[in-house]
N, C-alpha and C. Protein backbone atom coordinates (compact mmCIF):
# COMPACT_ATOMS: atom_id res chain seq x y z
N MET A 1 132.80 103.43 89.19
CA MET A 1 132.82 104.05 90.48
C MET A 1 133.11 102.99 91.54
N PRO A 2 133.86 103.35 92.52
CA PRO A 2 134.14 102.38 93.58
C PRO A 2 132.91 102.17 94.46
N GLY A 3 132.96 101.15 95.25
CA GLY A 3 131.86 100.86 96.16
C GLY A 3 130.99 99.74 95.62
N GLU A 4 130.05 99.32 96.44
CA GLU A 4 129.12 98.25 96.07
C GLU A 4 128.14 98.77 95.01
N LEU A 5 128.02 98.05 93.92
CA LEU A 5 127.22 98.48 92.78
C LEU A 5 125.74 98.64 93.15
N PHE A 6 125.18 97.68 93.83
CA PHE A 6 123.76 97.74 94.17
C PHE A 6 123.47 98.83 95.20
N GLN A 7 124.35 99.04 96.13
CA GLN A 7 124.16 100.13 97.09
C GLN A 7 124.20 101.48 96.40
N ASN A 8 125.08 101.63 95.42
CA ASN A 8 125.13 102.88 94.66
C ASN A 8 123.84 103.09 93.87
N PHE A 9 123.29 102.02 93.29
CA PHE A 9 122.03 102.14 92.55
C PHE A 9 120.87 102.48 93.48
N TYR A 10 120.84 101.86 94.64
CA TYR A 10 119.78 102.17 95.61
C TYR A 10 119.88 103.61 96.09
N ALA A 11 121.09 104.08 96.33
CA ALA A 11 121.28 105.47 96.75
C ALA A 11 120.85 106.42 95.65
N SER A 12 121.13 106.08 94.41
CA SER A 12 120.72 106.92 93.28
C SER A 12 119.21 106.98 93.16
N ALA A 13 118.54 105.87 93.30
CA ALA A 13 117.08 105.85 93.21
C ALA A 13 116.44 106.59 94.38
N PHE A 14 116.99 106.43 95.57
CA PHE A 14 116.46 107.14 96.73
C PHE A 14 116.69 108.65 96.59
N ALA A 15 117.80 109.03 95.98
CA ALA A 15 118.07 110.45 95.75
C ALA A 15 117.06 111.06 94.79
N GLU A 16 116.60 110.28 93.81
CA GLU A 16 115.56 110.77 92.90
C GLU A 16 114.28 111.11 93.67
N LEU A 17 113.91 110.25 94.61
CA LEU A 17 112.71 110.50 95.42
C LEU A 17 112.88 111.74 96.29
N ILE A 18 114.00 111.83 96.96
CA ILE A 18 114.25 112.95 97.85
C ILE A 18 114.31 114.27 97.09
N SER A 19 115.03 114.27 95.98
CA SER A 19 115.26 115.52 95.26
C SER A 19 114.00 116.06 94.61
N THR A 20 113.09 115.20 94.24
CA THR A 20 111.84 115.68 93.66
C THR A 20 111.05 116.48 94.69
N ALA A 21 110.97 115.97 95.90
CA ALA A 21 110.27 116.69 96.97
C ALA A 21 111.07 117.91 97.42
N LEU A 22 112.37 117.75 97.51
CA LEU A 22 113.22 118.84 97.97
C LEU A 22 113.25 120.00 96.99
N ALA A 23 113.14 119.71 95.71
CA ALA A 23 113.14 120.77 94.71
C ALA A 23 111.95 121.70 94.89
N GLY A 24 110.81 121.16 95.22
CA GLY A 24 109.64 122.00 95.46
C GLY A 24 109.81 122.89 96.68
N VAL A 25 110.41 122.35 97.72
CA VAL A 25 110.64 123.13 98.94
C VAL A 25 111.65 124.25 98.67
N ILE A 26 112.73 123.93 97.98
CA ILE A 26 113.76 124.93 97.67
C ILE A 26 113.18 126.02 96.78
N GLN A 27 112.40 125.63 95.78
CA GLN A 27 111.84 126.61 94.85
C GLN A 27 110.83 127.52 95.56
N ALA A 28 110.12 127.00 96.55
CA ALA A 28 109.15 127.82 97.27
C ALA A 28 109.83 128.82 98.20
N LYS A 29 110.98 128.48 98.75
CA LYS A 29 111.65 129.34 99.72
C LYS A 29 112.62 130.33 99.10
N PHE A 30 113.20 129.99 97.95
CA PHE A 30 114.25 130.82 97.37
C PHE A 30 113.86 131.27 95.96
N SER A 31 114.59 132.26 95.46
CA SER A 31 114.38 132.70 94.08
C SER A 31 114.95 131.65 93.13
N ARG A 32 114.66 131.81 91.87
CA ARG A 32 115.16 130.84 90.88
C ARG A 32 116.68 130.81 90.86
N ARG A 33 117.27 132.00 90.88
CA ARG A 33 118.73 132.08 90.82
C ARG A 33 119.37 131.41 92.04
N LYS A 34 118.85 131.70 93.21
CA LYS A 34 119.39 131.11 94.44
C LYS A 34 119.17 129.59 94.46
N ALA A 35 118.02 129.14 93.96
CA ALA A 35 117.75 127.70 93.91
C ALA A 35 118.74 126.99 93.00
N PHE A 36 119.04 127.58 91.84
CA PHE A 36 120.03 126.98 90.95
C PHE A 36 121.42 126.99 91.60
N GLN A 37 121.75 128.06 92.30
CA GLN A 37 123.05 128.12 92.97
C GLN A 37 123.17 127.03 94.03
N ILE A 38 122.12 126.83 94.78
CA ILE A 38 122.14 125.80 95.83
C ILE A 38 122.31 124.41 95.22
N THR A 39 121.52 124.11 94.20
CA THR A 39 121.57 122.76 93.63
C THR A 39 122.87 122.50 92.87
N PHE A 40 123.35 123.48 92.11
CA PHE A 40 124.61 123.27 91.42
C PHE A 40 125.78 123.17 92.40
N SER A 41 125.73 123.94 93.48
CA SER A 41 126.78 123.85 94.50
C SER A 41 126.79 122.48 95.15
N THR A 42 125.60 121.94 95.41
CA THR A 42 125.50 120.61 95.99
C THR A 42 126.08 119.56 95.04
N ALA A 43 125.73 119.66 93.76
CA ALA A 43 126.22 118.70 92.78
C ALA A 43 127.74 118.79 92.60
N VAL A 44 128.27 120.00 92.52
CA VAL A 44 129.71 120.17 92.33
C VAL A 44 130.48 119.71 93.56
N THR A 45 129.98 120.05 94.75
CA THR A 45 130.66 119.62 95.98
C THR A 45 130.70 118.10 96.08
N GLY A 46 129.57 117.46 95.83
CA GLY A 46 129.54 116.00 95.87
C GLY A 46 130.46 115.37 94.83
N SER A 47 130.48 115.95 93.64
CA SER A 47 131.34 115.42 92.59
C SER A 47 132.81 115.54 92.94
N LEU A 48 133.18 116.68 93.48
CA LEU A 48 134.58 116.86 93.87
C LEU A 48 134.99 115.92 95.00
N ILE A 49 134.09 115.70 95.94
CA ILE A 49 134.41 114.75 97.02
C ILE A 49 134.56 113.34 96.47
N ILE A 50 133.70 112.97 95.51
CA ILE A 50 133.84 111.65 94.88
C ILE A 50 135.18 111.53 94.17
N ILE A 51 135.57 112.57 93.46
CA ILE A 51 136.84 112.54 92.74
C ILE A 51 138.01 112.45 93.70
N LEU A 52 137.95 113.22 94.80
CA LEU A 52 139.09 113.30 95.71
C LEU A 52 139.23 112.08 96.62
N ILE A 53 138.12 111.60 97.19
CA ILE A 53 138.26 110.51 98.16
C ILE A 53 137.48 109.26 97.79
N GLY A 54 136.94 109.18 96.60
CA GLY A 54 136.13 108.03 96.21
C GLY A 54 136.89 106.72 96.21
N ASP A 55 138.12 106.73 95.72
CA ASP A 55 138.91 105.50 95.68
C ASP A 55 139.44 105.10 97.05
N LYS A 56 139.67 106.08 97.90
CA LYS A 56 140.25 105.80 99.22
C LYS A 56 139.21 105.29 100.21
N ARG A 57 137.96 105.73 100.06
CA ARG A 57 136.89 105.36 101.01
C ARG A 57 135.67 104.85 100.24
N PRO A 58 135.72 103.66 99.68
CA PRO A 58 134.59 103.15 98.89
C PRO A 58 133.32 102.91 99.71
N GLU A 59 133.45 102.78 101.03
CA GLU A 59 132.26 102.57 101.86
C GLU A 59 131.40 103.83 101.96
N LEU A 60 131.97 104.99 101.65
CA LEU A 60 131.20 106.25 101.66
C LEU A 60 130.51 106.54 100.33
N MET A 61 130.77 105.73 99.33
CA MET A 61 130.27 106.02 98.00
C MET A 61 128.75 106.13 97.91
N PRO A 62 127.95 105.26 98.53
CA PRO A 62 126.50 105.44 98.44
C PRO A 62 126.03 106.79 99.00
N LEU A 63 126.63 107.24 100.06
CA LEU A 63 126.27 108.54 100.63
C LEU A 63 126.67 109.68 99.70
N LEU A 64 127.84 109.56 99.09
CA LEU A 64 128.29 110.60 98.16
C LEU A 64 127.45 110.60 96.89
N VAL A 65 127.06 109.42 96.43
CA VAL A 65 126.17 109.34 95.27
C VAL A 65 124.83 109.99 95.59
N LEU A 66 124.31 109.72 96.76
CA LEU A 66 123.05 110.32 97.19
C LEU A 66 123.16 111.84 97.21
N PHE A 67 124.19 112.36 97.81
CA PHE A 67 124.39 113.80 97.93
C PHE A 67 124.51 114.46 96.57
N THR A 68 125.32 113.88 95.70
CA THR A 68 125.54 114.45 94.38
C THR A 68 124.29 114.36 93.51
N LYS A 69 123.62 113.24 93.56
CA LYS A 69 122.44 113.03 92.73
C LYS A 69 121.28 113.93 93.14
N VAL A 70 121.16 114.25 94.42
CA VAL A 70 120.13 115.19 94.87
C VAL A 70 120.36 116.55 94.21
N GLY A 71 121.59 117.01 94.17
CA GLY A 71 121.89 118.28 93.52
C GLY A 71 121.64 118.26 92.03
N ILE A 72 122.05 117.19 91.38
CA ILE A 72 121.89 117.09 89.93
C ILE A 72 120.41 117.01 89.56
N ASN A 73 119.65 116.16 90.22
CA ASN A 73 118.25 115.98 89.87
C ASN A 73 117.42 117.22 90.22
N SER A 74 117.73 117.89 91.32
CA SER A 74 117.01 119.12 91.66
C SER A 74 117.26 120.20 90.62
N ALA A 75 118.49 120.32 90.16
CA ALA A 75 118.79 121.29 89.10
C ALA A 75 118.06 120.93 87.81
N TYR A 76 117.96 119.66 87.52
CA TYR A 76 117.22 119.21 86.33
C TYR A 76 115.74 119.58 86.44
N ILE A 77 115.16 119.40 87.61
CA ILE A 77 113.76 119.75 87.81
C ILE A 77 113.56 121.26 87.66
N PHE A 78 114.49 122.06 88.20
CA PHE A 78 114.39 123.50 88.05
C PHE A 78 114.51 123.93 86.60
N SER A 79 115.33 123.23 85.83
CA SER A 79 115.48 123.60 84.42
C SER A 79 114.19 123.36 83.64
N TRP A 80 113.33 122.50 84.15
CA TRP A 80 112.02 122.30 83.52
C TRP A 80 111.01 123.35 83.97
N PHE A 81 111.04 123.71 85.25
CA PHE A 81 110.00 124.59 85.78
C PHE A 81 110.35 126.07 85.76
N ALA A 82 111.61 126.43 85.68
CA ALA A 82 111.98 127.84 85.67
C ALA A 82 111.45 128.58 84.44
N PRO A 83 111.53 128.03 83.24
CA PRO A 83 110.98 128.77 82.09
C PRO A 83 109.47 128.97 82.15
N ILE A 84 108.76 128.09 82.84
CA ILE A 84 107.31 128.25 82.95
C ILE A 84 106.99 129.52 83.72
N GLY A 85 107.74 129.82 84.76
CA GLY A 85 107.52 131.04 85.53
C GLY A 85 108.03 132.28 84.83
N MET A 86 109.06 132.14 84.01
CA MET A 86 109.62 133.30 83.33
C MET A 86 108.82 133.68 82.09
N PHE A 87 108.21 132.71 81.44
CA PHE A 87 107.45 132.96 80.21
C PHE A 87 106.05 132.39 80.35
N PRO A 88 105.18 133.04 81.11
CA PRO A 88 103.83 132.49 81.30
C PRO A 88 103.00 132.56 80.02
N THR A 89 102.08 131.66 79.91
CA THR A 89 101.20 131.67 78.73
C THR A 89 100.18 132.79 78.86
N MET A 90 99.71 133.29 77.74
CA MET A 90 98.81 134.45 77.73
C MET A 90 97.38 134.07 77.36
N PHE A 91 96.95 132.87 77.58
CA PHE A 91 95.57 132.51 77.25
C PHE A 91 94.88 131.91 78.43
């Protein structure tokens, strides 16, 4: 990926922190389906922007990594917690 390697890593780590908190807020406000739509849309939009302008504007790469990683990690968190709500334990 273009851009400064350490800045991209810092943006990725910061996105992990943000997305963990943001996933709880999104899940509380929206249904499971809408939450998945929001997070996947965020991830796909960020990925497409990286593909289209990543080589031309490497100084924007940490911001694009942050945006994309928030969507990916939030969707990952939902994939862990959505089945718990759909299939509750009976004991």
